[in-house]
Amino acid sequence: MAGSDLKAKTLTASGTISAGPARLAAVHYMGHSSTGTIEFKDGGASGTSVFSLQVKANDSGDLTIPEEGVKFNTDLYAVLTNVTSAAFFFK
């Protein structure tokens, strides 16, 4: 069986997922009682917005990114708005 270089981190509030360059491969999220978003930034809280994921109220789901994932050159930061928790898988 081949090894995997994936790492995982769970957040319940906005924060850094990876403190260095990373490739986001997947996300599992749990929505809040209101519609929310997960905004992914490169360069910390004040960094460049790369993309946002809409989260329906009281919903959970998964996002799997094909190929090598989305590349973040500086670091990988997520802004959670009305999201209870999210697990991020990256390399």
PDB file of N, CA and C in Angstrom:
ATOM      1  N   MET A   1       0.841  -1.170   0.000  1.00  0.00           N
ATOM      2  CA  MET A   1       0.000   0.000   0.000  1.00  0.00           C
ATOM      3  C   MET A   1       0.889   1.237   0.000  1.00  0.00           C
ATOM      4  N   ALA A   2       0.552   2.186  -0.830  1.00  0.00           N
ATOM      5  CA  ALA A   2       1.336   3.413  -0.918  1.00  0.00           C
ATOM      6  C   ALA A   2       1.022   4.327   0.246  1.00  0.00           C
ATOM      7  N   GLY A   3       1.995   5.102   0.671  1.00  0.00           N
ATOM      8  CA  GLY A   3       1.800   6.057   1.759  1.00  0.00           C
ATOM      9  C   GLY A   3       1.125   7.326   1.258  1.00  0.00           C
ATOM     10  N   SER A   4       0.650   8.113   2.166  1.00  0.00           N
ATOM     11  CA  SER A   4       0.002   9.367   1.819  1.00  0.00           C
ATOM     12  C   SER A   4       0.700  10.500   2.553  1.00  0.00           C
ATOM     13  N   ASP A   5       0.826  11.628   1.880  1.00  0.00           N
ATOM     14  CA  ASP A   5       1.421  12.780   2.530  1.00  0.00           C
ATOM     15  C   ASP A   5       0.356  13.797   2.941  1.00  0.00           C
ATOM     16  N   LEU A   6      -0.914  13.380   2.971  1.00  0.00           N
ATOM     17  CA  LEU A   6      -1.990  14.272   3.401  1.00  0.00           C
ATOM     18  C   LEU A   6      -1.911  14.546   4.893  1.00  0.00           C
ATOM     19  N   LYS A   7      -2.219  15.789   5.253  1.00  0.00           N
ATOM     20  CA  LYS A   7      -2.333  16.187   6.648  1.00  0.00           C
ATOM     21  C   LYS A   7      -3.764  16.637   6.858  1.00  0.00           C
ATOM     22  N   ALA A   8      -4.209  16.700   8.113  1.00  0.00           N
ATOM     23  CA  ALA A   8      -5.574  17.126   8.408  1.00  0.00           C
ATOM     24  C   ALA A   8      -5.571  18.117   9.559  1.00  0.00           C
ATOM     25  N   LYS A   9      -6.512  19.052   9.498  1.00  0.00           N
ATOM     26  CA  LYS A   9      -6.687  20.012  10.593  1.00  0.00           C
ATOM     27  C   LYS A   9      -8.161  20.389  10.653  1.00  0.00           C
ATOM     28  N   THR A  10      -8.695  20.452  11.874  1.00  0.00           N
ATOM     29  CA  THR A  10     -10.076  20.865  12.088  1.00  0.00           C
ATOM     30  C   THR A  10     -10.102  22.239  12.736  1.00  0.00           C
ATOM     31  N   LEU A  11     -10.977  23.101  12.226  1.00  0.00           N
ATOM     32  CA  LEU A  11     -11.167  24.431  12.792  1.00  0.00           C
ATOM     33  C   LEU A  11     -12.625  24.606  13.207  1.00  0.00           C
ATOM     34  N   THR A  12     -12.841  25.344  14.286  1.00  0.00           N
ATOM     35  CA  THR A  12     -14.191  25.728  14.701  1.00  0.00           C
ATOM     36  C   THR A  12     -14.355  27.248  14.632  1.00  0.00           C
ATOM     37  N   ALA A  13     -13.320  27.933  14.209  1.00  0.00           N
ATOM     38  CA  ALA A  13     -13.319  29.380  13.994  1.00  0.00           C
ATOM     39  C   ALA A  13     -12.268  29.668  12.923  1.00  0.00           C
ATOM     40  N   SER A  14     -12.254  30.867  12.404  1.00  0.00           N
ATOM     41  CA  SER A  14     -11.269  31.237  11.392  1.00  0.00           C
ATOM     42  C   SER A  14      -9.861  30.977  11.903  1.00  0.00           C
ATOM     43  N   GLY A  15      -8.970  30.539  10.993  1.00  0.00           N
ATOM     44  CA  GLY A  15      -7.606  30.297  11.415  1.00  0.00           C
ATOM     45  C   GLY A  15      -6.727  29.728  10.323  1.00  0.00           C
ATOM     46  N   THR A  16      -5.458  29.559  10.678  1.00  0.00           N
ATOM     47  CA  THR A  16      -4.460  29.018   9.760  1.00  0.00           C
ATOM     48  C   THR A  16      -4.579  27.503   9.692  1.00  0.00           C
ATOM     49  N   ILE A  17      -4.624  26.993   8.491  1.00  0.00           N
ATOM     50  CA  ILE A  17      -4.659  25.548   8.268  1.00  0.00           C
ATOM     51  C   ILE A  17      -3.236  25.036   8.100  1.00  0.00           C
ATOM     52  N   SER A  18      -2.439  25.745   7.315  1.00  0.00           N
ATOM     53  CA  SER A  18      -1.032  25.396   7.113  1.00  0.00           C
ATOM     54  C   SER A  18      -0.212  26.676   7.162  1.00  0.00           C
ATOM     55  N   ALA A  19       0.857  26.677   7.963  1.00  0.00           N
ATOM     56  CA  ALA A  19       1.687  27.867   8.133  1.00  0.00           C
ATOM     57  C   ALA A  19       2.714  28.041   7.018  1.00  0.00           C
ATOM     58  N   GLY A  20       2.681  27.199   6.013  1.00  0.00           N
ATOM     59  CA  GLY A  20       3.590  27.315   4.884  1.00  0.00           C
ATOM     60  C   GLY A  20       2.849  26.961   3.610  1.00  0.00           C
ATOM     61  N   PRO A  21       3.552  26.904   2.483  1.00  0.00           N
ATOM     62  CA  PRO A  21       2.907  26.535   1.228  1.00  0.00           C
ATOM     63  C   PRO A  21       2.165  25.199   1.357  1.00  0.00           C
ATOM     64  N   ALA A  22       1.004  25.106   0.692  1.00  0.00           N
ATOM     65  CA  ALA A  22       0.193  23.893   0.806  1.00  0.00           C
ATOM     66  C   ALA A  22      -0.723  23.760  -0.401  1.00  0.00           C
ATOM     67  N   ARG A  23      -1.242  22.546  -0.556  1.00  0.00           N
ATOM     68  CA  ARG A  23      -2.257  22.274  -1.574  1.00  0.00           C
ATOM     69  C   ARG A  23      -3.476  21.696  -0.873  1.00  0.00           C
ATOM     70  N   LEU A  24      -4.595  22.400  -0.969  1.00  0.00           N
ATOM     71  CA  LEU A  24      -5.842  21.947  -0.367  1.00  0.00           C
ATOM     72  C   LEU A  24      -6.430  20.837  -1.221  1.00  0.00           C
ATOM     73  N   ALA A  25      -6.694  19.677  -0.592  1.00  0.00           N
ATOM     74  CA  ALA A  25      -7.207  18.520  -1.329  1.00  0.00           C
ATOM     75  C   ALA A  25      -8.685  18.247  -1.069  1.00  0.00           C
ATOM     76  N   ALA A  26      -9.155  18.514   0.167  1.00  0.00           N
ATOM     77  CA  ALA A  26     -10.549  18.211   0.498  1.00  0.00           C
ATOM     78  C   ALA A  26     -10.975  18.960   1.745  1.00  0.00           C
ATOM     79  N   VAL A  27     -12.308  19.105   1.892  1.00  0.00           N
ATOM     80  CA  VAL A  27     -12.896  19.764   3.052  1.00  0.00           C
ATOM     81  C   VAL A  27     -14.161  19.005   3.441  1.00  0.00           C
ATOM     82  N   HIS A  28     -14.360  18.802   4.733  1.00  0.00           N
ATOM     83  CA  HIS A  28     -15.637  18.307   5.258  1.00  0.00           C
ATOM     84  C   HIS A  28     -16.145  19.384   6.206  1.00  0.00           C
ATOM     85  N   TYR A  29     -17.386  19.836   6.008  1.00  0.00           N
ATOM     86  CA  TYR A  29     -17.889  20.960   6.793  1.00  0.00           C
ATOM     87  C   TYR A  29     -19.243  20.658   7.432  1.00  0.00           C
ATOM     88  N   MET A  30     -19.511  21.368   8.526  1.00  0.00           N
ATOM     89  CA  MET A  30     -20.783  21.298   9.246  1.00  0.00           C
ATOM     90  C   MET A  30     -21.336  22.719   9.315  1.00  0.00           C
ATOM     91  N   GLY A  31     -22.525  22.907   8.765  1.00  0.00           N
ATOM     92  CA  GLY A  31     -23.129  24.230   8.741  1.00  0.00           C
ATOM     93  C   GLY A  31     -23.730  24.626  10.077  1.00  0.00           C
ATOM     94  N   HIS A  32     -23.973  25.901  10.218  1.00  0.00           N
ATOM     95  CA  HIS A  32     -24.577  26.516  11.400  1.00  0.00           C
ATOM     96  C   HIS A  32     -26.071  26.658  11.121  1.00  0.00           C
ATOM     97  N   SER A  33     -26.814  27.254  12.009  1.00  0.00           N
ATOM     98  CA  SER A  33     -28.253  27.444  11.808  1.00  0.00           C
ATOM     99  C   SER A  33     -28.570  28.490  10.738  1.00  0.00           C
ATOM    100  N   SER A  34     -27.560  29.236  10.293  1.00  0.00           N
ATOM    101  CA  SER A  34     -27.704  30.210   9.217  1.00  0.00           C
ATOM    102  C   SER A  34     -26.762  29.837   8.071  1.00  0.00           C
ATOM    103  N   THR A  35     -27.125  30.242   6.868  1.00  0.00           N
ATOM    104  CA  THR A  35     -26.259  30.005   5.718  1.00  0.00           C
ATOM    105  C   THR A  35     -24.894  30.649   5.969  1.00  0.00           C
ATOM    106  N   GLY A  36     -23.824  29.959   5.579  1.00  0.00           N
ATOM    107  CA  GLY A  36     -22.486  30.469   5.837  1.00  0.00           C
ATOM    108  C   GLY A  36     -21.547  30.312   4.660  1.00  0.00           C
ATOM    109  N   THR A  37     -20.277  30.627   4.912  1.00  0.00           N
ATOM    110  CA  THR A  37     -19.232  30.491   3.896  1.00  0.00           C
ATOM    111  C   THR A  37     -17.918  30.073   4.544  1.00  0.00           C
ATOM    112  N   ILE A  38     -17.097  29.456   3.735  1.00  0.00           N
ATOM    113  CA  ILE A  38     -15.696  29.232   4.081  1.00  0.00           C
ATOM    114  C   ILE A  38     -14.910  29.930   2.984  1.00  0.00           C
ATOM    115  N   GLU A  39     -14.154  30.949   3.364  1.00  0.00           N
ATOM    116  CA  GLU A  39     -13.334  31.678   2.406  1.00  0.00           C
ATOM    117  C   GLU A  39     -11.890  31.243   2.601  1.00  0.00           C
ATOM    118  N   PHE A  40     -11.253  30.837   1.525  1.00  0.00           N
ATOM    119  CA  PHE A  40      -9.867  30.371   1.569  1.00  0.00           C
ATOM    120  C   PHE A  40      -8.947  31.493   1.106  1.00  0.00           C
ATOM    121  N   LYS A  41      -7.931  31.791   1.935  1.00  0.00           N
ATOM    122  CA  LYS A  41      -7.000  32.873   1.633  1.00  0.00           C
ATOM    123  C   LYS A  41      -5.566  32.373   1.608  1.00  0.00           C
ATOM    124  N   ASP A  42      -4.763  33.000   0.771  1.00  0.00           N
ATOM    125  CA  ASP A  42      -3.333  32.742   0.693  1.00  0.00           C
ATOM    126  C   ASP A  42      -2.626  33.959   1.280  1.00  0.00           C
ATOM    127  N   GLY A  43      -1.972  33.777   2.434  1.00  0.00           N
ATOM    128  CA  GLY A  43      -1.254  34.884   3.046  1.00  0.00           C
ATOM    129  C   GLY A  43      -1.870  35.355   4.359  1.00  0.00           C
ATOM    130  N   GLY A  44      -2.592  34.492   5.034  1.00  0.00           N
ATOM    131  CA  GLY A  44      -3.144  34.832   6.342  1.00  0.00           C
ATOM    132  C   GLY A  44      -4.479  35.548   6.269  1.00  0.00           C
ATOM    133  N   ALA A  45      -4.916  36.065   7.420  1.00  0.00           N
ATOM    134  CA  ALA A  45      -6.231  36.695   7.536  1.00  0.00           C
ATOM    135  C   ALA A  45      -6.416  37.867   6.576  1.00  0.00           C
ATOM    136  N   SER A  46      -5.344  38.604   6.295  1.00  0.00           N
ATOM    137  CA  SER A  46      -5.445  39.748   5.384  1.00  0.00           C
ATOM    138  C   SER A  46      -4.921  39.407   3.987  1.00  0.00           C
ATOM    139  N   GLY A  47      -4.729  38.118   3.718  1.00  0.00           N
ATOM    140  CA  GLY A  47      -4.176  37.678   2.438  1.00  0.00           C
ATOM    141  C   GLY A  47      -5.169  37.742   1.289  1.00  0.00           C
ATOM    142  N   THR A  48      -4.751  37.200   0.164  1.00  0.00           N
ATOM    143  CA  THR A  48      -5.544  37.187  -1.054  1.00  0.00           C
ATOM    144  C   THR A  48      -6.593  36.085  -1.007  1.00  0.00           C
ATOM    145  N   SER A  49      -7.832  36.444  -1.303  1.00  0.00           N
ATOM    146  CA  SER A  49      -8.905  35.459  -1.357  1.00  0.00           C
ATOM    147  C   SER A  49      -8.728  34.598  -2.606  1.00  0.00           C
ATOM    148  N   VAL A  50      -8.701  33.281  -2.434  1.00  0.00           N
ATOM    149  CA  VAL A  50      -8.519  32.361  -3.556  1.00  0.00           C
ATOM    150  C   VAL A  50      -9.870  31.853  -4.041  1.00  0.00           C
ATOM    151  N   PHE A  51     -10.725  31.400  -3.111  1.00  0.00           N
ATOM    152  CA  PHE A  51     -12.092  31.023  -3.464  1.00  0.00           C
ATOM    153  C   PHE A  51     -12.917  30.878  -2.193  1.00  0.00           C
ATOM    154  N   SER A  52     -14.249  30.829  -2.365  1.00  0.00           N
ATOM    155  CA  SER A  52     -15.180  30.673  -1.245  1.00  0.00           C
ATOM    156  C   SER A  52     -16.100  29.489  -1.509  1.00  0.00           C
ATOM    157  N   LEU A  53     -16.503  28.854  -0.423  1.00  0.00           N
ATOM    158  CA  LEU A  53     -17.412  27.719  -0.473  1.00  0.00           C
ATOM    159  C   LEU A  53     -18.672  28.104   0.294  1.00  0.00           C
ATOM    160  N   GLN A  54     -19.823  28.007  -0.347  1.00  0.00           N
ATOM    161  CA  GLN A  54     -21.093  28.310   0.296  1.00  0.00           C
ATOM    162  C   GLN A  54     -21.546  27.102   1.112  1.00  0.00           C
ATOM    163  N   VAL A  55     -22.031  27.347   2.333  1.00  0.00           N
ATOM    164  CA  VAL A  55     -22.488  26.282   3.232  1.00  0.00           C
ATOM    165  C   VAL A  55     -23.941  26.561   3.595  1.00  0.00           C
ATOM    166  N   LYS A  56     -24.824  25.620   3.270  1.00  0.00           N
ATOM    167  CA  LYS A  56     -26.239  25.789   3.588  1.00  0.00           C
ATOM    168  C   LYS A  56     -26.471  25.653   5.089  1.00  0.00           C
ATOM    169  N   ALA A  57     -27.509  26.306   5.574  1.00  0.00           N
ATOM    170  CA  ALA A  57     -27.860  26.237   6.993  1.00  0.00           C
ATOM    171  C   ALA A  57     -28.160  24.800   7.401  1.00  0.00           C
ATOM    172  N   ASN A  58     -27.655  24.411   8.574  1.00  0.00           N
ATOM    173  CA  ASN A  58     -27.901  23.077   9.152  1.00  0.00           C
ATOM    174  C   ASN A  58     -27.547  21.930   8.211  1.00  0.00           C
ATOM    175  N   ASP A  59     -26.535  22.114   7.397  1.00  0.00           N
ATOM    176  CA  ASP A  59     -26.144  21.103   6.418  1.00  0.00           C
ATOM    177  C   ASP A  59     -24.692  20.704   6.654  1.00  0.00           C
ATOM    178  N   SER A  60     -24.342  19.543   6.168  1.00  0.00           N
ATOM    179  CA  SER A  60     -22.939  19.117   6.166  1.00  0.00           C
ATOM    180  C   SER A  60     -22.615  18.625   4.774  1.00  0.00           C
ATOM    181  N   GLY A  61     -21.343  18.596   4.459  1.00  0.00           N
ATOM    182  CA  GLY A  61     -20.967  18.147   3.130  1.00  0.00           C
ATOM    183  C   GLY A  61     -19.473  18.023   2.979  1.00  0.00           C
ATOM    184  N   ASP A  62     -19.093  17.622   1.777  1.00  0.00           N
ATOM    185  CA  ASP A  62     -17.694  17.400   1.444  1.00  0.00           C
ATOM    186  C   ASP A  62     -17.362  18.082   0.130  1.00  0.00           C
ATOM    187  N   LEU A  63     -16.155  18.550   0.013  1.00  0.00           N
ATOM    188  CA  LEU A  63     -15.622  19.067  -1.235  1.00  0.00           C
ATOM    189  C   LEU A  63     -14.298  18.354  -1.459  1.00  0.00           C
ATOM    190  N   THR A  64     -14.213  17.618  -2.559  1.00  0.00           N
ATOM    191  CA  THR A  64     -12.962  16.959  -2.938  1.00  0.00           C
ATOM    192  C   THR A  64     -12.437  17.664  -4.177  1.00  0.00           C
ATOM    193  N   ILE A  65     -11.208  18.123  -4.106  1.00  0.00           N
ATOM    194  CA  ILE A  65     -10.605  18.865  -5.207  1.00  0.00           C
ATOM    195  C   ILE A  65      -9.750  17.897  -6.023  1.00  0.00           C
ATOM    196  N   PRO A  66      -9.997  17.803  -7.323  1.00  0.00           N
ATOM    197  CA  PRO A  66      -9.280  16.832  -8.151  1.00  0.00           C
ATOM    198  C   PRO A  66      -7.805  17.181  -8.367  1.00  0.00           C
ATOM    199  N   GLU A  67      -7.124  16.215  -8.937  1.00  0.00           N
ATOM    200  CA  GLU A  67      -5.707  16.345  -9.293  1.00  0.00           C
ATOM    201  C   GLU A  67      -4.857  16.661  -8.071  1.00  0.00           C
ATOM    202  N   GLU A  68      -4.052  17.702  -8.130  1.00  0.00           N
ATOM    203  CA  GLU A  68      -3.127  18.052  -7.054  1.00  0.00           C
ATOM    204  C   GLU A  68      -3.715  19.014  -6.030  1.00  0.00           C
ATOM    205  N   GLY A  69      -4.977  19.391  -6.184  1.00  0.00           N
ATOM    206  CA  GLY A  69      -5.594  20.331  -5.253  1.00  0.00           C
ATOM    207  C   GLY A  69      -5.320  21.776  -5.640  1.00  0.00           C
ATOM    208  N   VAL A  70      -5.775  22.699  -4.791  1.00  0.00           N
ATOM    209  CA  VAL A  70      -5.574  24.135  -5.013  1.00  0.00           C
ATOM    210  C   VAL A  70      -4.308  24.555  -4.277  1.00  0.00           C
ATOM    211  N   LYS A  71      -3.398  25.208  -5.006  1.00  0.00           N
ATOM    212  CA  LYS A  71      -2.114  25.596  -4.431  1.00  0.00           C
ATOM    213  C   LYS A  71      -2.206  26.947  -3.727  1.00  0.00           C
ATOM    214  N   PHE A  72      -1.639  27.006  -2.512  1.00  0.00           N
ATOM    215  CA  PHE A  72      -1.509  28.234  -1.732  1.00  0.00           C
ATOM    216  C   PHE A  72      -0.009  28.452  -1.540  1.00  0.00           C
ATOM    217  N   ASN A  73       0.515  29.531  -2.106  1.00  0.00           N
ATOM    218  CA  ASN A  73       1.970  29.749  -2.142  1.00  0.00           C
ATOM    219  C   ASN A  73       2.580  30.174  -0.816  1.00  0.00           C
ATOM    220  N   THR A  74       1.843  30.950  -0.010  1.00  0.00           N
ATOM    221  CA  THR A  74       2.385  31.485   1.241  1.00  0.00           C
ATOM    222  C   THR A  74       1.946  30.656   2.430  1.00  0.00           C
ATOM    223  N   ASP A  75       0.642  30.570   2.632  1.00  0.00           N
ATOM    224  CA  ASP A  75       0.055  29.730   3.665  1.00  0.00           C
ATOM    225  C   ASP A  75      -1.418  29.523   3.325  1.00  0.00           C
ATOM    226  N   LEU A  76      -2.085  28.690   4.088  1.00  0.00           N
ATOM    227  CA  LEU A  76      -3.478  28.335   3.829  1.00  0.00           C
ATOM    228  C   LEU A  76      -4.298  28.767   5.033  1.00  0.00           C
ATOM    229  N   TYR A  77      -5.199  29.719   4.818  1.00  0.00           N
ATOM    230  CA  TYR A  77      -6.000  30.302   5.896  1.00  0.00           C
ATOM    231  C   TYR A  77      -7.468  30.207   5.513  1.00  0.00           C
ATOM    232  N   ALA A  78      -8.338  29.915   6.479  1.00  0.00           N
ATOM    233  CA  ALA A  78      -9.774  29.825   6.217  1.00  0.00           C
ATOM    234  C   ALA A  78     -10.540  30.787   7.110  1.00  0.00           C
ATOM    235  N   VAL A  79     -11.464  31.512   6.513  1.00  0.00           N
ATOM    236  CA  VAL A  79     -12.381  32.387   7.247  1.00  0.00           C
ATOM    237  C   VAL A  79     -13.717  31.644   7.323  1.00  0.00           C
ATOM    238  N   LEU A  80     -14.096  31.230   8.522  1.00  0.00           N
ATOM    239  CA  LEU A  80     -15.356  30.522   8.733  1.00  0.00           C
ATOM    240  C   LEU A  80     -16.419  31.513   9.196  1.00  0.00           C
ATOM    241  N   THR A  81     -17.493  31.617   8.440  1.00  0.00           N
ATOM    242  CA  THR A  81     -18.618  32.476   8.779  1.00  0.00           C
ATOM    243  C   THR A  81     -19.867  31.612   8.845  1.00  0.00           C
ATOM    244  N   ASN A  82     -20.485  31.538  10.016  1.00  0.00           N
ATOM    245  CA  ASN A  82     -21.661  30.689  10.234  1.00  0.00           C
ATOM    246  C   ASN A  82     -21.397  29.234   9.843  1.00  0.00           C
ATOM    247  N   VAL A  83     -20.229  28.742  10.228  1.00  0.00           N
ATOM    248  CA  VAL A  83     -19.847  27.340  10.027  1.00  0.00           C
ATOM    249  C   VAL A  83     -19.457  26.797  11.395  1.00  0.00           C
ATOM    250  N   THR A  84     -20.072  25.671  11.793  1.00  0.00           N
ATOM    251  CA  THR A  84     -19.810  25.092  13.111  1.00  0.00           C
ATOM    252  C   THR A  84     -18.398  24.538  13.195  1.00  0.00           C
ATOM    253  N   SER A  85     -18.005  23.768  12.192  1.00  0.00           N
ATOM    254  CA  SER A  85     -16.646  23.221  12.138  1.00  0.00           C
ATOM    255  C   SER A  85     -16.343  22.766  10.726  1.00  0.00           C
ATOM    256  N   ALA A  86     -15.054  22.628  10.449  1.00  0.00           N
ATOM    257  CA  ALA A  86     -14.618  22.134   9.144  1.00  0.00           C
ATOM    258  C   ALA A  86     -13.299  21.393   9.314  1.00  0.00           C
ATOM    259  N   ALA A  87     -13.188  20.265   8.634  1.00  0.00           N
ATOM    260  CA  ALA A  87     -11.946  19.486   8.605  1.00  0.00           C
ATOM    261  C   ALA A  87     -11.318  19.670   7.233  1.00  0.00           C
ATOM    262  N   PHE A  88     -10.061  20.031   7.225  1.00  0.00           N
ATOM    263  CA  PHE A  88      -9.347  20.311   5.981  1.00  0.00           C
ATOM    264  C   PHE A  88      -8.259  19.269   5.769  1.00  0.00           C
ATOM    265  N   PHE A  89      -8.128  18.808   4.548  1.00  0.00           N
ATOM    266  CA  PHE A  89      -7.111  17.822   4.188  1.00  0.00           C
ATOM    267  C   PHE A  89      -6.211  18.471   3.148  1.00  0.00           C
ATOM    268  N   PHE A  90      -4.923  18.479   3.418  1.00  0.00           N
ATOM    269  CA  PHE A  90      -3.983  19.223   2.584  1.00  0.00           C
ATOM    270  C   PHE A  90      -2.635  18.511   2.549  1.00  0.00           C
ATOM    271  N   LYS A  91      -1.809  18.937   1.604  1.00  0.00           N
ATOM    272  CA  LYS A  91      -0.431  18.437   1.545  1.00  0.00           C
ATOM    273  C   LYS A  91       0.511  19.548   1.158  1.00  0.00           C
TER     274      LYS A  91
END
